[in-house]
Amino acid sequence: MLSYNDGMKATLSERGQVVIPKALRDGLGLRPGAELEITAEKGRLVFTKVMPTDPVSAVWGLLRDAPDADSLLDDLRGPVDGL
């Protein structure tokens, strides 16, 4: 497991930014845009990767302007007779 004890260091910029070392990002699967929750515990900063509650929530809203299934089927097949 990678940790700060492995000798990795970062410097705080004037704007309060810190670069997470690449080995830690890769080891934890952190990609650009990943959300991190930050807490302070016993004088340490603890970063926790925020995980979506479920896969559907992770992609919900990507297709906001997509038609509903019934409209799409009506367009592809034509309306169902008698309904």
PDB file of N, CA and C in Angstrom:
ATOM      1  N   MET A   1       0.839  -1.186   0.000  1.00  0.00           N
ATOM      2  CA  MET A   1       0.000   0.000   0.000  1.00  0.00           C
ATOM      3  C   MET A   1       0.877   1.240   0.000  1.00  0.00           C
ATOM      4  N   LEU A   2       0.490   2.227  -0.803  1.00  0.00           N
ATOM      5  CA  LEU A   2       1.221   3.472  -0.859  1.00  0.00           C
ATOM      6  C   LEU A   2       0.745   4.389   0.255  1.00  0.00           C
ATOM      7  N   SER A   3       1.668   5.106   0.867  1.00  0.00           N
ATOM      8  CA  SER A   3       1.283   6.059   1.897  1.00  0.00           C
ATOM      9  C   SER A   3       2.305   7.166   1.963  1.00  0.00           C
ATOM     10  N   TYR A   4       2.021   8.151   2.769  1.00  0.00           N
ATOM     11  CA  TYR A   4       2.945   9.264   2.961  1.00  0.00           C
ATOM     12  C   TYR A   4       4.282   8.754   3.489  1.00  0.00           C
ATOM     13  N   ASN A   5       4.267   7.689   4.251  1.00  0.00           N
ATOM     14  CA  ASN A   5       5.497   7.137   4.817  1.00  0.00           C
ATOM     15  C   ASN A   5       6.442   6.609   3.746  1.00  0.00           C
ATOM     16  N   ASP A   6       5.953   6.443   2.511  1.00  0.00           N
ATOM     17  CA  ASP A   6       6.800   5.981   1.418  1.00  0.00           C
ATOM     18  C   ASP A   6       7.681   7.109   0.883  1.00  0.00           C
ATOM     19  N   GLY A   7       7.635   8.292   1.512  1.00  0.00           N
ATOM     20  CA  GLY A   7       8.499   9.396   1.127  1.00  0.00           C
ATOM     21  C   GLY A   7       7.903  10.359   0.123  1.00  0.00           C
ATOM     22  N   MET A   8       6.626  10.256  -0.186  1.00  0.00           N
ATOM     23  CA  MET A   8       6.006  11.172  -1.137  1.00  0.00           C
ATOM     24  C   MET A   8       5.649  12.464  -0.427  1.00  0.00           C
ATOM     25  N   LYS A   9       5.940  13.590  -1.094  1.00  0.00           N
ATOM     26  CA  LYS A   9       5.640  14.894  -0.527  1.00  0.00           C
ATOM     27  C   LYS A   9       4.992  15.771  -1.579  1.00  0.00           C
ATOM     28  N   ALA A  10       4.276  16.778  -1.119  1.00  0.00           N
ATOM     29  CA  ALA A  10       3.661  17.754  -1.999  1.00  0.00           C
ATOM     30  C   ALA A  10       3.815  19.117  -1.337  1.00  0.00           C
ATOM     31  N   THR A  11       3.767  20.168  -2.143  1.00  0.00           N
ATOM     32  CA  THR A  11       3.895  21.535  -1.639  1.00  0.00           C
ATOM     33  C   THR A  11       2.586  22.275  -1.867  1.00  0.00           C
ATOM     34  N   LEU A  12       2.148  23.015  -0.870  1.00  0.00           N
ATOM     35  CA  LEU A  12       0.934  23.806  -0.959  1.00  0.00           C
ATOM     36  C   LEU A  12       1.230  25.078  -1.752  1.00  0.00           C
ATOM     37  N   SER A  13       0.442  25.343  -2.789  1.00  0.00           N
ATOM     38  CA  SER A  13       0.648  26.542  -3.603  1.00  0.00           C
ATOM     39  C   SER A  13       0.052  27.760  -2.890  1.00  0.00           C
ATOM     40  N   GLU A  14       0.312  28.950  -3.431  1.00  0.00           N
ATOM     41  CA  GLU A  14      -0.240  30.178  -2.858  1.00  0.00           C
ATOM     42  C   GLU A  14      -1.760  30.164  -2.873  1.00  0.00           C
ATOM     43  N   ARG A  15      -2.345  29.463  -3.827  1.00  0.00           N
ATOM     44  CA  ARG A  15      -3.809  29.382  -3.940  1.00  0.00           C
ATOM     45  C   ARG A  15      -4.388  28.216  -3.149  1.00  0.00           C
ATOM     46  N   GLY A  16      -3.567  27.527  -2.368  1.00  0.00           N
ATOM     47  CA  GLY A  16      -4.054  26.429  -1.544  1.00  0.00           C
ATOM     48  C   GLY A  16      -4.176  25.115  -2.276  1.00  0.00           C
ATOM     49  N   GLN A  17      -3.525  24.979  -3.421  1.00  0.00           N
ATOM     50  CA  GLN A  17      -3.616  23.763  -4.219  1.00  0.00           C
ATOM     51  C   GLN A  17      -2.465  22.820  -3.897  1.00  0.00           C
ATOM     52  N   VAL A  18      -2.770  21.521  -3.980  1.00  0.00           N
ATOM     53  CA  VAL A  18      -1.774  20.479  -3.754  1.00  0.00           C
ATOM     54  C   VAL A  18      -1.891  19.474  -4.896  1.00  0.00           C
ATOM     55  N   VAL A  19      -0.754  19.032  -5.422  1.00  0.00           N
ATOM     56  CA  VAL A  19      -0.753  18.002  -6.453  1.00  0.00           C
ATOM     57  C   VAL A  19      -0.562  16.657  -5.766  1.00  0.00           C
ATOM     58  N   ILE A  20      -1.486  15.730  -6.005  1.00  0.00           N
ATOM     59  CA  ILE A  20      -1.372  14.377  -5.452  1.00  0.00           C
ATOM     60  C   ILE A  20      -0.383  13.616  -6.330  1.00  0.00           C
ATOM     61  N   PRO A  21       0.649  13.025  -5.731  1.00  0.00           N
ATOM     62  CA  PRO A  21       1.646  12.310  -6.544  1.00  0.00           C
ATOM     63  C   PRO A  21       1.000  11.265  -7.453  1.00  0.00           C
ATOM     64  N   LYS A  22       1.556  11.139  -8.668  1.00  0.00           N
ATOM     65  CA  LYS A  22       0.998  10.237  -9.682  1.00  0.00           C
ATOM     66  C   LYS A  22       0.872   8.803  -9.191  1.00  0.00           C
ATOM     67  N   ALA A  23       1.859   8.319  -8.455  1.00  0.00           N
ATOM     68  CA  ALA A  23       1.796   6.935  -7.968  1.00  0.00           C
ATOM     69  C   ALA A  23       0.567   6.733  -7.071  1.00  0.00           C
ATOM     70  N   LEU A  24       0.238   7.726  -6.241  1.00  0.00           N
ATOM     71  CA  LEU A  24      -0.955   7.619  -5.391  1.00  0.00           C
ATOM     72  C   LEU A  24      -2.222   7.714  -6.231  1.00  0.00           C
ATOM     73  N   ARG A  25      -2.263   8.662  -7.188  1.00  0.00           N
ATOM     74  CA  ARG A  25      -3.454   8.785  -8.053  1.00  0.00           C
ATOM     75  C   ARG A  25      -3.713   7.489  -8.797  1.00  0.00           C
ATOM     76  N   ASP A  26      -2.662   6.925  -9.382  1.00  0.00           N
ATOM     77  CA  ASP A  26      -2.812   5.679 -10.133  1.00  0.00           C
ATOM     78  C   ASP A  26      -3.224   4.536  -9.221  1.00  0.00           C
ATOM     79  N   GLY A  27      -2.596   4.430  -8.056  1.00  0.00           N
ATOM     80  CA  GLY A  27      -2.897   3.343  -7.123  1.00  0.00           C
ATOM     81  C   GLY A  27      -4.315   3.388  -6.584  1.00  0.00           C
ATOM     82  N   LEU A  28      -4.876   4.599  -6.489  1.00  0.00           N
ATOM     83  CA  LEU A  28      -6.227   4.762  -5.957  1.00  0.00           C
ATOM     84  C   LEU A  28      -7.279   4.917  -7.051  1.00  0.00           C
ATOM     85  N   GLY A  29      -6.840   4.908  -8.305  1.00  0.00           N
ATOM     86  CA  GLY A  29      -7.786   5.035  -9.409  1.00  0.00           C
ATOM     87  C   GLY A  29      -8.397   6.424  -9.508  1.00  0.00           C
ATOM     88  N   LEU A  30      -7.652   7.460  -9.122  1.00  0.00           N
ATOM     89  CA  LEU A  30      -8.158   8.823  -9.200  1.00  0.00           C
ATOM     90  C   LEU A  30      -7.915   9.377 -10.592  1.00  0.00           C
ATOM     91  N   ARG A  31      -8.956   9.877 -11.215  1.00  0.00           N
ATOM     92  CA  ARG A  31      -8.884  10.442 -12.554  1.00  0.00           C
ATOM     93  C   ARG A  31      -9.292  11.907 -12.488  1.00  0.00           C
ATOM     94  N   PRO A  32      -8.963  12.704 -13.508  1.00  0.00           N
ATOM     95  CA  PRO A  32      -9.406  14.095 -13.519  1.00  0.00           C
ATOM     96  C   PRO A  32     -10.916  14.187 -13.329  1.00  0.00           C
ATOM     97  N   GLY A  33     -11.338  15.093 -12.482  1.00  0.00           N
ATOM     98  CA  GLY A  33     -12.760  15.265 -12.196  1.00  0.00           C
ATOM     99  C   GLY A  33     -13.256  14.425 -11.029  1.00  0.00           C
ATOM    100  N   ALA A  34     -12.421  13.549 -10.476  1.00  0.00           N
ATOM    101  CA  ALA A  34     -12.837  12.721  -9.335  1.00  0.00           C
ATOM    102  C   ALA A  34     -13.150  13.629  -8.139  1.00  0.00           C
ATOM    103  N   GLU A  35     -14.208  13.318  -7.426  1.00  0.00           N
ATOM    104  CA  GLU A  35     -14.561  14.085  -6.243  1.00  0.00           C
ATOM    105  C   GLU A  35     -13.896  13.480  -5.024  1.00  0.00           C
ATOM    106  N   LEU A  36     -13.352  14.358  -4.182  1.00  0.00           N
ATOM    107  CA  LEU A  36     -12.709  13.927  -2.951  1.00  0.00           C
ATOM    108  C   LEU A  36     -13.349  14.661  -1.781  1.00  0.00           C
ATOM    109  N   GLU A  37     -13.652  13.937  -0.732  1.00  0.00           N
ATOM    110  CA  GLU A  37     -14.138  14.539   0.506  1.00  0.00           C
ATOM    111  C   GLU A  37     -12.921  14.752   1.397  1.00  0.00           C
ATOM    112  N   ILE A  38     -12.824  15.944   1.991  1.00  0.00           N
ATOM    113  CA  ILE A  38     -11.660  16.269   2.807  1.00  0.00           C
ATOM    114  C   ILE A  38     -12.109  16.509   4.244  1.00  0.00           C
ATOM    115  N   THR A  39     -11.470  15.811   5.177  1.00  0.00           N
ATOM    116  CA  THR A  39     -11.744  15.999   6.598  1.00  0.00           C
ATOM    117  C   THR A  39     -10.424  16.162   7.338  1.00  0.00           C
ATOM    118  N   ALA A  40     -10.508  16.738   8.530  1.00  0.00           N
ATOM    119  CA  ALA A  40      -9.336  16.870   9.385  1.00  0.00           C
ATOM    120  C   ALA A  40      -9.520  15.927  10.567  1.00  0.00           C
ATOM    121  N   GLU A  41      -8.547  15.058  10.779  1.00  0.00           N
ATOM    122  CA  GLU A  41      -8.601  14.093  11.881  1.00  0.00           C
ATOM    123  C   GLU A  41      -7.262  14.077  12.605  1.00  0.00           C
ATOM    124  N   LYS A  42      -7.278  14.472  13.866  1.00  0.00           N
ATOM    125  CA  LYS A  42      -6.080  14.435  14.703  1.00  0.00           C
ATOM    126  C   LYS A  42      -4.901  15.153  14.055  1.00  0.00           C
ATOM    127  N   GLY A  43      -5.140  16.345  13.502  1.00  0.00           N
ATOM    128  CA  GLY A  43      -4.078  17.134  12.902  1.00  0.00           C
ATOM    129  C   GLY A  43      -3.650  16.695  11.514  1.00  0.00           C
ATOM    130  N   ARG A  44      -4.392  15.791  10.902  1.00  0.00           N
ATOM    131  CA  ARG A  44      -4.078  15.311   9.553  1.00  0.00           C
ATOM    132  C   ARG A  44      -5.232  15.608   8.609  1.00  0.00           C
ATOM    133  N   LEU A  45      -4.899  15.834   7.349  1.00  0.00           N
ATOM    134  CA  LEU A  45      -5.937  15.947   6.331  1.00  0.00           C
ATOM    135  C   LEU A  45      -6.192  14.560   5.766  1.00  0.00           C
ATOM    136  N   VAL A  46      -7.457  14.197   5.673  1.00  0.00           N
ATOM    137  CA  VAL A  46      -7.829  12.887   5.144  1.00  0.00           C
ATOM    138  C   VAL A  46      -8.700  13.113   3.914  1.00  0.00           C
ATOM    139  N   PHE A  47      -8.241  12.603   2.780  1.00  0.00           N
ATOM    140  CA  PHE A  47      -8.976  12.695   1.527  1.00  0.00           C
ATOM    141  C   PHE A  47      -9.641  11.346   1.273  1.00  0.00           C
ATOM    142  N   THR A  48     -10.938  11.365   0.984  1.00  0.00           N
ATOM    143  CA  THR A  48     -11.679  10.142   0.700  1.00  0.00           C
ATOM    144  C   THR A  48     -12.349  10.287  -0.663  1.00  0.00           C
ATOM    145  N   LYS A  49     -12.154   9.302  -1.511  1.00  0.00           N
ATOM    146  CA  LYS A  49     -12.775   9.303  -2.837  1.00  0.00           C
ATOM    147  C   LYS A  49     -14.282   9.159  -2.676  1.00  0.00           C
ATOM    148  N   VAL A  50     -15.035  10.083  -3.273  1.00  0.00           N
ATOM    149  CA  VAL A  50     -16.499  10.041  -3.206  1.00  0.00           C
ATOM    150  C   VAL A  50     -16.996   9.086  -4.277  1.00  0.00           C
ATOM    151  N   MET A  51     -17.749   8.085  -3.863  1.00  0.00           N
ATOM    152  CA  MET A  51     -18.287   7.102  -4.796  1.00  0.00           C
ATOM    153  C   MET A  51     -19.786   7.352  -4.979  1.00  0.00           C
ATOM    154  N   PRO A  52     -20.286   7.272  -6.222  1.00  0.00           N
ATOM    155  CA  PRO A  52     -21.731   7.406  -6.414  1.00  0.00           C
ATOM    156  C   PRO A  52     -22.457   6.282  -5.672  1.00  0.00           C
ATOM    157  N   THR A  53     -23.691   6.559  -5.248  1.00  0.00           N
ATOM    158  CA  THR A  53     -24.436   5.572  -4.477  1.00  0.00           C
ATOM    159  C   THR A  53     -24.774   4.340  -5.302  1.00  0.00           C
ATOM    160  N   ASP A  54     -25.014   4.509  -6.590  1.00  0.00           N
ATOM    161  CA  ASP A  54     -25.289   3.366  -7.456  1.00  0.00           C
ATOM    162  C   ASP A  54     -24.943   3.757  -8.889  1.00  0.00           C
ATOM    163  N   PRO A  55     -24.766   2.780  -9.774  1.00  0.00           N
ATOM    164  CA  PRO A  55     -24.361   3.077 -11.154  1.00  0.00           C
ATOM    165  C   PRO A  55     -25.352   3.964 -11.902  1.00  0.00           C
ATOM    166  N   VAL A  56     -26.641   3.823 -11.626  1.00  0.00           N
ATOM    167  CA  VAL A  56     -27.641   4.638 -12.317  1.00  0.00           C
ATOM    168  C   VAL A  56     -27.479   6.108 -11.923  1.00  0.00           C
ATOM    169  N   SER A  57     -27.231   6.366 -10.641  1.00  0.00           N
ATOM    170  CA  SER A  57     -27.031   7.741 -10.180  1.00  0.00           C
ATOM    171  C   SER A  57     -25.803   8.370 -10.826  1.00  0.00           C
ATOM    172  N   ALA A  58     -24.807   7.570 -11.116  1.00  0.00           N
ATOM    173  CA  ALA A  58     -23.577   8.089 -11.706  1.00  0.00           C
ATOM    174  C   ALA A  58     -23.806   8.640 -13.109  1.00  0.00           C
ATOM    175  N   VAL A  59     -24.784   8.121 -13.843  1.00  0.00           N
ATOM    176  CA  VAL A  59     -25.023   8.561 -15.210  1.00  0.00           C
ATOM    177  C   VAL A  59     -26.373   9.258 -15.380  1.00  0.00           C
ATOM    178  N   TRP A  60     -27.134   9.407 -14.317  1.00  0.00           N
ATOM    179  CA  TRP A  60     -28.458  10.015 -14.397  1.00  0.00           C
ATOM    180  C   TRP A  60     -28.331  11.441 -14.919  1.00  0.00           C
ATOM    181  N   GLY A  61     -29.139  11.779 -15.889  1.00  0.00           N
ATOM    182  CA  GLY A  61     -29.160  13.129 -16.421  1.00  0.00           C
ATOM    183  C   GLY A  61     -28.255  13.350 -17.613  1.00  0.00           C
ATOM    184  N   LEU A  62     -27.473  12.361 -18.016  1.00  0.00           N
ATOM    185  CA  LEU A  62     -26.608  12.537 -19.177  1.00  0.00           C
ATOM    186  C   LEU A  62     -27.408  12.697 -20.463  1.00  0.00           C
ATOM    187  N   LEU A  63     -28.554  12.064 -20.523  1.00  0.00           N
ATOM    188  CA  LEU A  63     -29.392  12.105 -21.728  1.00  0.00           C
ATOM    189  C   LEU A  63     -30.690  12.858 -21.448  1.00  0.00           C
ATOM    190  N   ARG A  64     -30.593  14.052 -20.924  1.00  0.00           N
ATOM    191  CA  ARG A  64     -31.782  14.817 -20.524  1.00  0.00           C
ATOM    192  C   ARG A  64     -32.763  15.046 -21.662  1.00  0.00           C
ATOM    193  N   ASP A  65     -32.265  15.280 -22.871  1.00  0.00           N
ATOM    194  CA  ASP A  65     -33.148  15.596 -23.986  1.00  0.00           C
ATOM    195  C   ASP A  65     -33.546  14.363 -24.793  1.00  0.00           C
ATOM    196  N   ALA A  66     -33.187  13.187 -24.314  1.00  0.00           N
ATOM    197  CA  ALA A  66     -33.538  11.958 -25.034  1.00  0.00           C
ATOM    198  C   ALA A  66     -35.041  11.696 -24.890  1.00  0.00           C
ATOM    199  N   PRO A  67     -35.660  11.190 -25.966  1.00  0.00           N
ATOM    200  CA  PRO A  67     -37.094  10.891 -25.869  1.00  0.00           C
ATOM    201  C   PRO A  67     -37.339   9.694 -24.951  1.00  0.00           C
ATOM    202  N   ASP A  68     -38.571   9.605 -24.433  1.00  0.00           N
ATOM    203  CA  ASP A  68     -38.882   8.433 -23.614  1.00  0.00           C
ATOM    204  C   ASP A  68     -39.006   7.210 -24.521  1.00  0.00           C
ATOM    205  N   ALA A  69     -39.017   6.028 -23.941  1.00  0.00           N
ATOM    206  CA  ALA A  69     -38.993   4.780 -24.706  1.00  0.00           C
ATOM    207  C   ALA A  69     -40.210   4.650 -25.623  1.00  0.00           C
ATOM    208  N   ASP A  70     -41.407   5.031 -25.146  1.00  0.00           N
ATOM    209  CA  ASP A  70     -42.610   4.905 -25.966  1.00  0.00           C
ATOM    210  C   ASP A  70     -42.533   5.789 -27.210  1.00  0.00           C
ATOM    211  N   SER A  71     -42.065   7.015 -27.046  1.00  0.00           N
ATOM    212  CA  SER A  71     -41.936   7.918 -28.192  1.00  0.00           C
ATOM    213  C   SER A  71     -40.914   7.390 -29.189  1.00  0.00           C
ATOM    214  N   LEU A  72     -39.821   6.875 -28.677  1.00  0.00           N
ATOM    215  CA  LEU A  72     -38.785   6.329 -29.548  1.00  0.00           C
ATOM    216  C   LEU A  72     -39.316   5.136 -30.350  1.00  0.00           C
ATOM    217  N   LEU A  73     -40.038   4.235 -29.677  1.00  0.00           N
ATOM    218  CA  LEU A  73     -40.603   3.079 -30.384  1.00  0.00           C
ATOM    219  C   LEU A  73     -41.657   3.506 -31.405  1.00  0.00           C
ATOM    220  N   ASP A  74     -42.486   4.494 -31.065  1.00  0.00           N
ATOM    221  CA  ASP A  74     -43.479   5.005 -32.017  1.00  0.00           C
ATOM    222  C   ASP A  74     -42.780   5.560 -33.254  1.00  0.00           C
ATOM    223  N   ASP A  75     -41.675   6.277 -33.055  1.00  0.00           N
ATOM    224  CA  ASP A  75     -40.931   6.820 -34.193  1.00  0.00           C
ATOM    225  C   ASP A  75     -40.330   5.726 -35.050  1.00  0.00           C
ATOM    226  N   LEU A  76     -39.844   4.652 -34.429  1.00  0.00           N
ATOM    227  CA  LEU A  76     -39.194   3.566 -35.167  1.00  0.00           C
ATOM    228  C   LEU A  76     -40.203   2.665 -35.847  1.00  0.00           C
ATOM    229  N   ARG A  77     -41.270   2.293 -35.146  1.00  0.00           N
ATOM    230  CA  ARG A  77     -42.224   1.304 -35.647  1.00  0.00           C
ATOM    231  C   ARG A  77     -43.547   1.893 -36.133  1.00  0.00           C
ATOM    232  N   GLY A  78     -43.824   3.103 -35.694  1.00  0.00           N
ATOM    233  CA  GLY A  78     -45.134   3.683 -35.933  1.00  0.00           C
ATOM    234  C   GLY A  78     -46.003   3.435 -34.706  1.00  0.00           C
ATOM    235  N   PRO A  79     -47.047   4.232 -34.531  1.00  0.00           N
ATOM    236  CA  PRO A  79     -47.909   4.075 -33.351  1.00  0.00           C
ATOM    237  C   PRO A  79     -48.625   2.726 -33.350  1.00  0.00           C
ATOM    238  N   VAL A  80     -48.890   2.226 -32.164  1.00  0.00           N
ATOM    239  CA  VAL A  80     -49.602   0.950 -32.015  1.00  0.00           C
ATOM    240  C   VAL A  80     -51.087   1.213 -32.247  1.00  0.00           C
ATOM    241  N   ASP A  81     -51.737   0.401 -33.111  1.00  0.00           N
ATOM    242  CA  ASP A  81     -53.160   0.558 -33.393  1.00  0.00           C
ATOM    243  C   ASP A  81     -53.995   0.147 -32.207  1.00  0.00           C
ATOM    244  N   GLY A  82     -55.072   0.886 -31.957  1.00  0.00           N
ATOM    245  CA  GLY A  82     -56.011   0.506 -30.923  1.00  0.00           C
ATOM    246  C   GLY A  82     -55.618   0.937 -29.520  1.00  0.00           C
ATOM    247  N   LEU A  83     -54.572   1.699 -29.368  1.00  0.00           N
ATOM    248  CA  LEU A  83     -54.201   2.161 -28.016  1.00  0.00           C
ATOM    249  C   LEU A  83     -54.270   3.646 -27.926  1.00  0.00           C
TER     250      LEU A  83
END
